[in-house]
């Protein structure tokens, strides 16, 4: 099955666990972070987190369930709530193609 781009909005299911999780992640490298969120069917490509209640990840996956499966394998489904949204248009300044933009409504 062909992989597609997804943006996932995440939030904490139990805000009391935030400090412990952030501390654990502080012991990881970026390489370890991405390796822990990757299977043949889904992988995290980018991650954004600030001090707000929501944080975001860019996934490349076969489908939404493949993302949930990776999060389950990593033990994260018990501590975060995830809303994946497929993005039909994906462009990045890191890879300029000079092609016309995809119409997500086609």
PDB file of N, CA and C in Angstrom:
ATOM      1  N   UNK A   1       0.845  -1.182   0.000  1.00  0.00           N
ATOM      2  CA  UNK A   1       0.000   0.000   0.000  1.00  0.00           C
ATOM      3  C   UNK A   1       0.886   1.238   0.000  1.00  0.00           C
ATOM      4  N   UNK A   2       0.482   2.248  -0.746  1.00  0.00           N
ATOM      5  CA  UNK A   2       1.237   3.486  -0.849  1.00  0.00           C
ATOM      6  C   UNK A   2       1.075   4.326   0.412  1.00  0.00           C
ATOM      7  N   UNK A   3       2.174   4.926   0.867  1.00  0.00           N
ATOM      8  CA  UNK A   3       2.125   5.796   2.037  1.00  0.00           C
ATOM      9  C   UNK A   3       1.647   7.186   1.650  1.00  0.00           C
ATOM     10  N   UNK A   4       1.007   7.854   2.622  1.00  0.00           N
ATOM     11  CA  UNK A   4       0.483   9.205   2.449  1.00  0.00           C
ATOM     12  C   UNK A   4       0.959  10.060   3.621  1.00  0.00           C
ATOM     13  N   UNK A   5       0.856  11.362   3.459  1.00  0.00           N
ATOM     14  CA  UNK A   5       1.260  12.289   4.522  1.00  0.00           C
ATOM     15  C   UNK A   5       0.079  12.558   5.457  1.00  0.00           C
ATOM     16  N   UNK A   6       0.374  12.589   6.753  1.00  0.00           N
ATOM     17  CA  UNK A   6      -0.632  12.881   7.783  1.00  0.00           C
ATOM     18  C   UNK A   6      -0.073  13.913   8.745  1.00  0.00           C
ATOM     19  N   UNK A   7      -0.928  14.798   9.199  1.00  0.00           N
ATOM     20  CA  UNK A   7      -0.625  15.658  10.335  1.00  0.00           C
ATOM     21  C   UNK A   7      -1.433  15.124  11.503  1.00  0.00           C
ATOM     22  N   UNK A   8      -0.770  14.895  12.602  1.00  0.00           N
ATOM     23  CA  UNK A   8      -1.460  14.416  13.803  1.00  0.00           C
ATOM     24  C   UNK A   8      -1.428  15.497  14.866  1.00  0.00           C
ATOM     25  N   UNK A   9      -2.588  15.742  15.427  1.00  0.00           N
ATOM     26  CA  UNK A   9      -2.701  16.607  16.590  1.00  0.00           C
ATOM     27  C   UNK A   9      -2.788  15.692  17.795  1.00  0.00           C
ATOM     28  N   UNK A  10      -1.930  15.944  18.775  1.00  0.00           N
ATOM     29  CA  UNK A  10      -1.896  15.125  19.983  1.00  0.00           C
ATOM     30  C   UNK A  10      -2.171  16.007  21.200  1.00  0.00           C
ATOM     31  N   UNK A  11      -2.730  15.408  22.226  1.00  0.00           N
ATOM     32  CA  UNK A  11      -2.860  16.061  23.521  1.00  0.00           C
ATOM     33  C   UNK A  11      -2.691  14.995  24.595  1.00  0.00           C
ATOM     34  N   UNK A  12      -2.479  15.425  25.801  1.00  0.00           N
ATOM     35  CA  UNK A  12      -2.235  14.500  26.909  1.00  0.00           C
ATOM     36  C   UNK A  12      -3.551  13.966  27.452  1.00  0.00           C
ATOM     37  N   UNK A  13      -3.652  12.668  27.642  1.00  0.00           N
ATOM     38  CA  UNK A  13      -4.862  12.106  28.242  1.00  0.00           C
ATOM     39  C   UNK A  13      -4.854  12.316  29.753  1.00  0.00           C
ATOM     40  N   UNK A  14      -3.656  12.445  30.332  1.00  0.00           N
ATOM     41  CA  UNK A  14      -3.530  12.706  31.763  1.00  0.00           C
ATOM     42  C   UNK A  14      -2.433  13.763  31.956  1.00  0.00           C
ATOM     43  N   UNK A  15      -2.809  15.023  32.130  1.00  0.00           N
ATOM     44  CA  UNK A  15      -1.812  16.091  32.253  1.00  0.00           C
ATOM     45  C   UNK A  15      -0.817  15.893  33.393  1.00  0.00           C
ATOM     46  N   UNK A  16      -1.141  15.064  34.363  1.00  0.00           N
ATOM     47  CA  UNK A  16      -0.228  14.820  35.486  1.00  0.00           C
ATOM     48  C   UNK A  16       1.039  14.084  35.046  1.00  0.00           C
ATOM     49  N   UNK A  17       0.999  13.440  33.895  1.00  0.00           N
ATOM     50  CA  UNK A  17       2.157  12.658  33.434  1.00  0.00           C
ATOM     51  C   UNK A  17       3.126  13.458  32.567  1.00  0.00           C
ATOM     52  N   UNK A  18       2.768  14.688  32.221  1.00  0.00           N
ATOM     53  CA  UNK A  18       3.575  15.467  31.273  1.00  0.00           C
ATOM     54  C   UNK A  18       5.027  15.588  31.716  1.00  0.00           C
ATOM     55  N   UNK A  19       5.272  16.015  32.942  1.00  0.00           N
ATOM     56  CA  UNK A  19       6.646  16.242  33.399  1.00  0.00           C
ATOM     57  C   UNK A  19       7.478  14.966  33.345  1.00  0.00           C
ATOM     58  N   UNK A  20       6.886  13.831  33.726  1.00  0.00           N
ATOM     59  CA  UNK A  20       7.617  12.567  33.685  1.00  0.00           C
ATOM     60  C   UNK A  20       7.976  12.171  32.256  1.00  0.00           C
ATOM     61  N   UNK A  21       7.039  12.333  31.348  1.00  0.00           N
ATOM     62  CA  UNK A  21       7.281  11.972  29.942  1.00  0.00           C
ATOM     63  C   UNK A  21       8.341  12.889  29.334  1.00  0.00           C
ATOM     64  N   UNK A  22       8.232  14.184  29.591  1.00  0.00           N
ATOM     65  CA  UNK A  22       9.211  15.130  29.044  1.00  0.00           C
ATOM     66  C   UNK A  22      10.600  14.829  29.603  1.00  0.00           C
ATOM     67  N   UNK A  23      10.667  14.458  30.857  1.00  0.00           N
ATOM     68  CA  UNK A  23      11.959  14.100  31.463  1.00  0.00           C
ATOM     69  C   UNK A  23      12.539  12.861  30.772  1.00  0.00           C
ATOM     70  N   UNK A  24      11.706  11.848  30.541  1.00  0.00           N
ATOM     71  CA  UNK A  24      12.168  10.642  29.850  1.00  0.00           C
ATOM     72  C   UNK A  24      12.641  10.967  28.435  1.00  0.00           C
ATOM     73  N   UNK A  25      11.882  11.781  27.734  1.00  0.00           N
ATOM     74  CA  UNK A  25      12.269  12.155  26.375  1.00  0.00           C
ATOM     75  C   UNK A  25      13.542  12.991  26.363  1.00  0.00           C
ATOM     76  N   UNK A  26      13.796  13.700  27.440  1.00  0.00           N
ATOM     77  CA  UNK A  26      15.009  14.506  27.544  1.00  0.00           C
ATOM     78  C   UNK A  26      16.273  13.666  27.584  1.00  0.00           C
ATOM     79  N   UNK A  27      16.117  12.386  27.854  1.00  0.00           N
ATOM     80  CA  UNK A  27      17.248  11.454  27.856  1.00  0.00           C
ATOM     81  C   UNK A  27      17.489  10.862  26.470  1.00  0.00           C
ATOM     82  N   UNK A  28      16.574  11.125  25.514  1.00  0.00           N
ATOM     83  CA  UNK A  28      16.666  10.566  24.164  1.00  0.00           C
ATOM     84  C   UNK A  28      17.342  11.537  23.206  1.00  0.00           C
ATOM     85  N   UNK A  29      17.951  10.988  22.166  1.00  0.00           N
ATOM     86  CA  UNK A  29      18.425  11.825  21.064  1.00  0.00           C
ATOM     87  C   UNK A  29      17.302  11.928  20.036  1.00  0.00           C
ATOM     88  N   UNK A  30      17.438  12.840  19.098  1.00  0.00           N
ATOM     89  CA  UNK A  30      16.449  12.935  18.028  1.00  0.00           C
ATOM     90  C   UNK A  30      16.433  11.643  17.204  1.00  0.00           C
ATOM     91  N   UNK A  31      17.597  11.046  17.002  1.00  0.00           N
ATOM     92  CA  UNK A  31      17.683   9.783  16.252  1.00  0.00           C
ATOM     93  C   UNK A  31      16.888   8.685  16.955  1.00  0.00           C
ATOM     94  N   UNK A  32      17.027   8.585  18.266  1.00  0.00           N
ATOM     95  CA  UNK A  32      16.293   7.586  19.045  1.00  0.00           C
ATOM     96  C   UNK A  32      14.790   7.856  19.019  1.00  0.00           C
ATOM     97  N   UNK A  33      14.422   9.120  19.082  1.00  0.00           N
ATOM     98  CA  UNK A  33      13.010   9.504  19.046  1.00  0.00           C
ATOM     99  C   UNK A  33      12.359   9.003  17.760  1.00  0.00           C
ATOM    100  N   UNK A  34      12.966   9.338  16.621  1.00  0.00           N
ATOM    101  CA  UNK A  34      12.381   8.942  15.337  1.00  0.00           C
ATOM    102  C   UNK A  34      12.449   7.431  15.108  1.00  0.00           C
ATOM    103  N   UNK A  35      13.507   6.791  15.561  1.00  0.00           N
ATOM    104  CA  UNK A  35      13.619   5.327  15.409  1.00  0.00           C
ATOM    105  C   UNK A  35      12.540   4.609  16.208  1.00  0.00           C
ATOM    106  N   UNK A  36      12.152   5.171  17.338  1.00  0.00           N
ATOM    107  CA  UNK A  36      11.129   4.556  18.183  1.00  0.00           C
ATOM    108  C   UNK A  36       9.716   4.735  17.653  1.00  0.00           C
ATOM    109  N   UNK A  37       9.557   5.589  16.657  1.00  0.00           N
ATOM    110  CA  UNK A  37       8.237   5.860  16.083  1.00  0.00           C
ATOM    111  C   UNK A  37       8.244   5.540  14.596  1.00  0.00           C
ATOM    112  N   UNK A  38       8.720   4.336  14.282  1.00  0.00           N
ATOM    113  CA  UNK A  38       8.844   3.947  12.874  1.00  0.00           C
ATOM    114  C   UNK A  38       8.634   2.443  12.712  1.00  0.00           C
ATOM    115  N   UNK A  39       7.798   2.104  11.725  1.00  0.00           N
ATOM    116  CA  UNK A  39       7.636   0.719  11.291  1.00  0.00           C
ATOM    117  C   UNK A  39       7.628   0.735   9.762  1.00  0.00           C
ATOM    118  N   UNK A  40       7.416  -0.415   9.163  1.00  0.00           N
ATOM    119  CA  UNK A  40       7.323  -0.461   7.701  1.00  0.00           C
ATOM    120  C   UNK A  40       6.098   0.293   7.194  1.00  0.00           C
ATOM    121  N   UNK A  41       5.049   0.389   8.023  1.00  0.00           N
ATOM    122  CA  UNK A  41       3.790   1.003   7.582  1.00  0.00           C
ATOM    123  C   UNK A  41       3.642   2.468   7.954  1.00  0.00           C
ATOM    124  N   UNK A  42       4.418   2.945   8.933  1.00  0.00           N
ATOM    125  CA  UNK A  42       4.260   4.337   9.385  1.00  0.00           C
ATOM    126  C   UNK A  42       5.529   4.829  10.059  1.00  0.00           C
ATOM    127  N   UNK A  43       5.801   6.125   9.856  1.00  0.00           N
ATOM    128  CA  UNK A  43       6.957   6.729  10.517  1.00  0.00           C
ATOM    129  C   UNK A  43       6.716   8.216  10.749  1.00  0.00           C
ATOM    130  N   UNK A  44       7.245   8.700  11.851  1.00  0.00           N
ATOM    131  CA  UNK A  44       7.192  10.121  12.151  1.00  0.00           C
ATOM    132  C   UNK A  44       8.315  10.810  11.393  1.00  0.00           C
ATOM    133  N   UNK A  45       7.981  11.893  10.689  1.00  0.00           N
ATOM    134  CA  UNK A  45       8.985  12.649   9.947  1.00  0.00           C
ATOM    135  C   UNK A  45       9.386  13.940  10.653  1.00  0.00           C
ATOM    136  N   UNK A  46       8.415  14.561  11.346  1.00  0.00           N
ATOM    137  CA  UNK A  46       8.672  15.815  12.045  1.00  0.00           C
ATOM    138  C   UNK A  46       7.823  15.862  13.307  1.00  0.00           C
ATOM    139  N   UNK A  47       8.269  16.680  14.259  1.00  0.00           N
ATOM    140  CA  UNK A  47       7.584  16.768  15.555  1.00  0.00           C
ATOM    141  C   UNK A  47       7.707  18.200  16.071  1.00  0.00           C
ATOM    142  N   UNK A  48       6.582  18.738  16.542  1.00  0.00           N
ATOM    143  CA  UNK A  48       6.559  20.087  17.123  1.00  0.00           C
ATOM    144  C   UNK A  48       5.889  20.015  18.489  1.00  0.00           C
ATOM    145  N   UNK A  49       6.548  20.568  19.498  1.00  0.00           N
ATOM    146  CA  UNK A  49       5.952  20.612  20.845  1.00  0.00           C
ATOM    147  C   UNK A  49       6.349  21.914  21.520  1.00  0.00           C
ATOM    148  N   UNK A  50       5.359  22.563  22.070  1.00  0.00           N
ATOM    149  CA  UNK A  50       5.600  23.764  22.856  1.00  0.00           C
ATOM    150  C   UNK A  50       5.037  23.543  24.259  1.00  0.00           C
ATOM    151  N   UNK A  51       4.632  24.608  24.898  1.00  0.00           N
ATOM    152  CA  UNK A  51       4.103  24.529  26.257  1.00  0.00           C
ATOM    153  C   UNK A  51       2.585  24.423  26.299  1.00  0.00           C
ATOM    154  N   UNK A  52       1.947  24.440  25.136  1.00  0.00           N
ATOM    155  CA  UNK A  52       0.492  24.373  25.065  1.00  0.00           C
ATOM    156  C   UNK A  52      -0.007  22.939  25.271  1.00  0.00           C
ATOM    157  N   UNK A  53      -1.320  22.789  25.307  1.00  0.00           N
ATOM    158  CA  UNK A  53      -1.929  21.480  25.521  1.00  0.00           C
ATOM    159  C   UNK A  53      -1.791  20.544  24.325  1.00  0.00           C
ATOM    160  N   UNK A  54      -1.554  21.099  23.143  1.00  0.00           N
ATOM    161  CA  UNK A  54      -1.495  20.294  21.928  1.00  0.00           C
ATOM    162  C   UNK A  54      -0.092  20.298  21.356  1.00  0.00           C
ATOM    163  N   UNK A  55       0.292  19.180  20.749  1.00  0.00           N
ATOM    164  CA  UNK A  55       1.542  19.097  20.008  1.00  0.00           C
ATOM    165  C   UNK A  55       1.268  18.334  18.720  1.00  0.00           C
ATOM    166  N   UNK A  56       2.209  18.397  17.790  1.00  0.00           N
ATOM    167  CA  UNK A  56       1.921  17.970  16.418  1.00  0.00           C
ATOM    168  C   UNK A  56       3.052  17.131  15.847  1.00  0.00           C
ATOM    169  N   UNK A  57       2.676  16.180  14.989  1.00  0.00           N
ATOM    170  CA  UNK A  57       3.651  15.339  14.306  1.00  0.00           C
ATOM    171  C   UNK A  57       3.250  15.187  12.842  1.00  0.00           C
ATOM    172  N   UNK A  58       4.252  15.150  11.998  1.00  0.00           N
ATOM    173  CA  UNK A  58       4.072  14.861  10.570  1.00  0.00           C
ATOM    174  C   UNK A  58       4.442  13.396  10.384  1.00  0.00           C
ATOM    175  N   UNK A  59       3.477  12.629   9.894  1.00  0.00           N
ATOM    176  CA  UNK A  59       3.665  11.188   9.684  1.00  0.00           C
ATOM    177  C   UNK A  59       3.603  10.857   8.207  1.00  0.00           C
ATOM    178  N   UNK A  60       4.302   9.817   7.830  1.00  0.00           N
ATOM    179  CA  UNK A  60       4.232   9.237   6.498  1.00  0.00           C
ATOM    180  C   UNK A  60       3.780   7.805   6.721  1.00  0.00           C
ATOM    181  N   UNK A  61       2.535   7.484   6.322  1.00  0.00           N
ATOM    182  CA  UNK A  61       1.940   6.206   6.719  1.00  0.00           C
ATOM    183  C   UNK A  61       0.978   5.678   5.667  1.00  0.00           C
ATOM    184  N   UNK A  62       0.723   4.382   5.746  1.00  0.00           N
ATOM    185  CA  UNK A  62      -0.241   3.761   4.840  1.00  0.00           C
ATOM    186  C   UNK A  62      -1.660   4.207   5.153  1.00  0.00           C
ATOM    187  N   UNK A  63      -1.969   4.353   6.439  1.00  0.00           N
ATOM    188  CA  UNK A  63      -3.313   4.758   6.853  1.00  0.00           C
ATOM    189  C   UNK A  63      -3.267   5.200   8.313  1.00  0.00           C
ATOM    190  N   UNK A  64      -4.395   5.697   8.802  1.00  0.00           N
ATOM    191  CA  UNK A  64      -4.476   6.185  10.181  1.00  0.00           C
ATOM    192  C   UNK A  64      -4.182   5.084  11.196  1.00  0.00           C
ATOM    193  N   UNK A  65      -4.700   3.893  10.955  1.00  0.00           N
ATOM    194  CA  UNK A  65      -4.500   2.791  11.896  1.00  0.00           C
ATOM    195  C   UNK A  65      -3.025   2.442  12.051  1.00  0.00           C
ATOM    196  N   UNK A  66      -2.257   2.573  10.984  1.00  0.00           N
ATOM    197  CA  UNK A  66      -0.820   2.292  11.064  1.00  0.00           C
ATOM    198  C   UNK A  66      -0.126   3.247  12.031  1.00  0.00           C
ATOM    199  N   UNK A  67      -0.578   4.493  12.082  1.00  0.00           N
ATOM    200  CA  UNK A  67      -0.037   5.472  13.027  1.00  0.00           C
ATOM    201  C   UNK A  67      -0.391   5.064  14.453  1.00  0.00           C
ATOM    202  N   UNK A  68      -1.650   4.742  14.666  1.00  0.00           N
ATOM    203  CA  UNK A  68      -2.105   4.321  15.996  1.00  0.00           C
ATOM    204  C   UNK A  68      -1.340   3.080  16.454  1.00  0.00           C
ATOM    205  N   UNK A  69      -1.080   2.161  15.536  1.00  0.00           N
ATOM    206  CA  UNK A  69      -0.335   0.940  15.875  1.00  0.00           C
ATOM    207  C   UNK A  69       1.093   1.250  16.343  1.00  0.00           C
ATOM    208  N   UNK A  70       1.755   2.215  15.684  1.00  0.00           N
ATOM    209  CA  UNK A  70       3.107   2.604  16.106  1.00  0.00           C
ATOM    210  C   UNK A  70       3.067   3.222  17.500  1.00  0.00           C
ATOM    211  N   UNK A  71       2.086   4.088  17.730  1.00  0.00           N
ATOM    212  CA  UNK A  71       1.962   4.723  19.045  1.00  0.00           C
ATOM    213  C   UNK A  71       1.665   3.688  20.124  1.00  0.00           C
ATOM    214  N   UNK A  72       0.849   2.695  19.797  1.00  0.00           N
ATOM    215  CA  UNK A  72       0.539   1.616  20.739  1.00  0.00           C
ATOM    216  C   UNK A  72       1.803   0.817  21.066  1.00  0.00           C
ATOM    217  N   UNK A  73       2.564   0.483  20.042  1.00  0.00           N
ATOM    218  CA  UNK A  73       3.809  -0.278  20.227  1.00  0.00           C
ATOM    219  C   UNK A  73       4.794   0.486  21.115  1.00  0.00           C
ATOM    220  N   UNK A  74       4.805   1.815  20.985  1.00  0.00           N
ATOM    221  CA  UNK A  74       5.708   2.651  21.784  1.00  0.00           C
ATOM    222  C   UNK A  74       5.167   2.938  23.182  1.00  0.00           C
ATOM    223  N   UNK A  75       3.954   2.446  23.483  1.00  0.00           N
ATOM    224  CA  UNK A  75       3.360   2.668  24.797  1.00  0.00           C
ATOM    225  C   UNK A  75       2.793   4.053  24.988  1.00  0.00           C
ATOM    226  N   UNK A  76       2.500   4.751  23.905  1.00  0.00           N
ATOM    227  CA  UNK A  76       2.028   6.129  24.001  1.00  0.00           C
ATOM    228  C   UNK A  76       0.513   6.272  23.953  1.00  0.00           C
ATOM    229  N   UNK A  77      -0.199   5.282  23.465  1.00  0.00           N
ATOM    230  CA  UNK A  77      -1.656   5.405  23.358  1.00  0.00           C
ATOM    231  C   UNK A  77      -2.339   5.569  24.710  1.00  0.00           C
ATOM    232  N   UNK A  78      -1.690   5.125  25.779  1.00  0.00           N
ATOM    233  CA  UNK A  78      -2.277   5.265  27.118  1.00  0.00           C
ATOM    234  C   UNK A  78      -2.095   6.666  27.699  1.00  0.00           C
ATOM    235  N   UNK A  79      -1.186   7.455  27.111  1.00  0.00           N
ATOM    236  CA  UNK A  79      -0.903   8.759  27.703  1.00  0.00           C
ATOM    237  C   UNK A  79      -1.208   9.941  26.787  1.00  0.00           C
ATOM    238  N   UNK A  80      -1.463   9.661  25.495  1.00  0.00           N
ATOM    239  CA  UNK A  80      -1.843  10.745  24.589  1.00  0.00           C
ATOM    240  C   UNK A  80      -3.080  10.364  23.791  1.00  0.00           C
ATOM    241  N   UNK A  81      -3.787  11.386  23.355  1.00  0.00           N
ATOM    242  CA  UNK A  81      -4.930  11.233  22.456  1.00  0.00           C
ATOM    243  C   UNK A  81      -4.468  11.793  21.110  1.00  0.00           C
ATOM    244  N   UNK A  82      -4.730  11.055  20.035  1.00  0.00           N
ATOM    245  CA  UNK A  82      -4.210  11.415  18.719  1.00  0.00           C
ATOM    246  C   UNK A  82      -5.335  11.556  17.708  1.00  0.00           C
ATOM    247  N   UNK A  83      -5.264  12.637  16.909  1.00  0.00           N
ATOM    248  CA  UNK A  83      -6.201  12.834  15.813  1.00  0.00           C
ATOM    249  C   UNK A  83      -5.395  12.953  14.511  1.00  0.00           C
ATOM    250  N   UNK A  84      -5.315  11.866  13.719  1.00  0.00           N
ATOM    251  CA  UNK A  84      -4.605  11.934  12.437  1.00  0.00           C
ATOM    252  C   UNK A  84      -5.493  12.524  11.343  1.00  0.00           C
ATOM    253  N   UNK A  85      -4.905  13.349  10.489  1.00  0.00           N
ATOM    254  CA  UNK A  85      -5.603  13.910   9.334  1.00  0.00           C
ATOM    255  C   UNK A  85      -4.718  13.734   8.105  1.00  0.00           C
ATOM    256  N   UNK A  86      -5.253  13.061   7.082  1.00  0.00           N
ATOM    257  CA  UNK A  86      -4.496  12.911   5.849  1.00  0.00           C
ATOM    258  C   UNK A  86      -4.388  14.262   5.159  1.00  0.00           C
ATOM    259  N   UNK A  87      -3.196  14.557   4.650  1.00  0.00           N
ATOM    260  CA  UNK A  87      -2.935  15.806   3.938  1.00  0.00           C
ATOM    261  C   UNK A  87      -2.597  15.462   2.489  1.00  0.00           C
ATOM    262  N   UNK A  88      -3.522  15.788   1.595  1.00  0.00           N
ATOM    263  CA  UNK A  88      -3.310  15.480   0.188  1.00  0.00           C
ATOM    264  C   UNK A  88      -2.229  16.376  -0.434  1.00  0.00           C
ATOM    265  N   UNK A  89      -2.082  17.571   0.122  1.00  0.00           N
ATOM    266  CA  UNK A  89      -1.037  18.477  -0.372  1.00  0.00           C
ATOM    267  C   UNK A  89       0.099  18.501   0.643  1.00  0.00           C
ATOM    268  N   UNK A  90       1.281  18.157   0.151  1.00  0.00           N
ATOM    269  CA  UNK A  90       2.492  18.247   0.966  1.00  0.00           C
ATOM    270  C   UNK A  90       3.562  18.927   0.132  1.00  0.00           C
ATOM    271  N   UNK A  91       3.983  20.091   0.549  1.00  0.00           N
ATOM    272  CA  UNK A  91       5.091  20.794  -0.086  1.00  0.00           C
ATOM    273  C   UNK A  91       6.043  21.245   1.016  1.00  0.00           C
ATOM    274  N   UNK A  92       7.308  21.310   0.683  1.00  0.00           N
ATOM    275  CA  UNK A  92       8.300  21.730   1.655  1.00  0.00           C
ATOM    276  C   UNK A  92       9.368  22.578   0.983  1.00  0.00           C
ATOM    277  N   UNK A  93       9.854  23.581   1.683  1.00  0.00           N
ATOM    278  CA  UNK A  93      10.926  24.423   1.141  1.00  0.00           C
ATOM    279  C   UNK A  93      12.241  23.661   1.068  1.00  0.00           C
ATOM    280  N   UNK A  94      12.299  22.490   1.692  1.00  0.00           N
ATOM    281  CA  UNK A  94      13.499  21.650   1.653  1.00  0.00           C
ATOM    282  C   UNK A  94      13.585  20.830   0.367  1.00  0.00           C
ATOM    283  N   UNK A  95      12.506  20.823  -0.419  1.00  0.00           N
ATOM    284  CA  UNK A  95      12.481  20.057  -1.666  1.00  0.00           C
ATOM    285  C   UNK A  95      11.588  20.786  -2.677  1.00  0.00           C
ATOM    286  N   UNK A  96      12.139  21.781  -3.328  1.00  0.00           N
ATOM    287  CA  UNK A  96      11.402  22.556  -4.317  1.00  0.00           C
ATOM    288  C   UNK A  96      11.379  21.764  -5.628  1.00  0.00           C
ATOM    289  N   UNK A  97      10.172  21.539  -6.174  1.00  0.00           N
ATOM    290  CA  UNK A  97      10.032  20.751  -7.402  1.00  0.00           C
ATOM    291  C   UNK A  97       9.585  21.591  -8.602  1.00  0.00           C
ATOM    292  N   UNK A  98       9.087  22.788  -8.349  1.00  0.00           N
ATOM    293  CA  UNK A  98       8.559  23.665  -9.394  1.00  0.00           C
ATOM    294  C   UNK A  98       7.359  23.042 -10.118  1.00  0.00           C
ATOM    295  N   UNK A  99       6.666  22.145  -9.450  1.00  0.00           N
ATOM    296  CA  UNK A  99       5.453  21.537 -10.007  1.00  0.00           C
ATOM    297  C   UNK A  99       4.234  22.282  -9.467  1.00  0.00           C
ATOM    298  N   UNK A 100       3.130  22.212 -10.220  1.00  0.00           N
ATOM    299  CA  UNK A 100       1.879  22.829  -9.765  1.00  0.00           C
ATOM    300  C   UNK A 100       1.412  22.159  -8.475  1.00  0.00           C
ATOM    301  N   UNK A 101       0.803  22.942  -7.604  1.00  0.00           N
ATOM    302  CA  UNK A 101       0.322  22.422  -6.324  1.00  0.00           C
ATOM    303  C   UNK A 101      -0.845  21.467  -6.519  1.00  0.00           C
ATOM    304  N   UNK A 102      -0.891  20.451  -5.690  1.00  0.00           N
ATOM    305  CA  UNK A 102      -2.004  19.495  -5.685  1.00  0.00           C
ATOM    306  C   UNK A 102      -3.247  20.164  -5.141  1.00  0.00           C
ATOM    307  N   UNK A 103      -4.381  19.932  -5.782  1.00  0.00           N
ATOM    308  CA  UNK A 103      -5.654  20.407  -5.277  1.00  0.00           C
ATOM    309  C   UNK A 103      -6.203  19.319  -4.351  1.00  0.00           C
ATOM    310  N   UNK A 104      -6.263  19.567  -3.037  1.00  0.00           N
ATOM    311  CA  UNK A 104      -6.715  18.529  -2.115  1.00  0.00           C
ATOM    312  C   UNK A 104      -8.178  18.129  -2.301  1.00  0.00           C
ATOM    313  N   UNK A 105      -8.942  18.922  -3.060  1.00  0.00           N
ATOM    314  CA  UNK A 105     -10.364  18.627  -3.242  1.00  0.00           C
ATOM    315  C   UNK A 105     -10.638  17.814  -4.503  1.00  0.00           C
ATOM    316  N   UNK A 106      -9.601  17.522  -5.282  1.00  0.00           N
ATOM    317  CA  UNK A 106      -9.768  16.677  -6.476  1.00  0.00           C
ATOM    318  C   UNK A 106      -9.830  15.212  -6.097  1.00  0.00           C
TER     319      UNK A 106
END
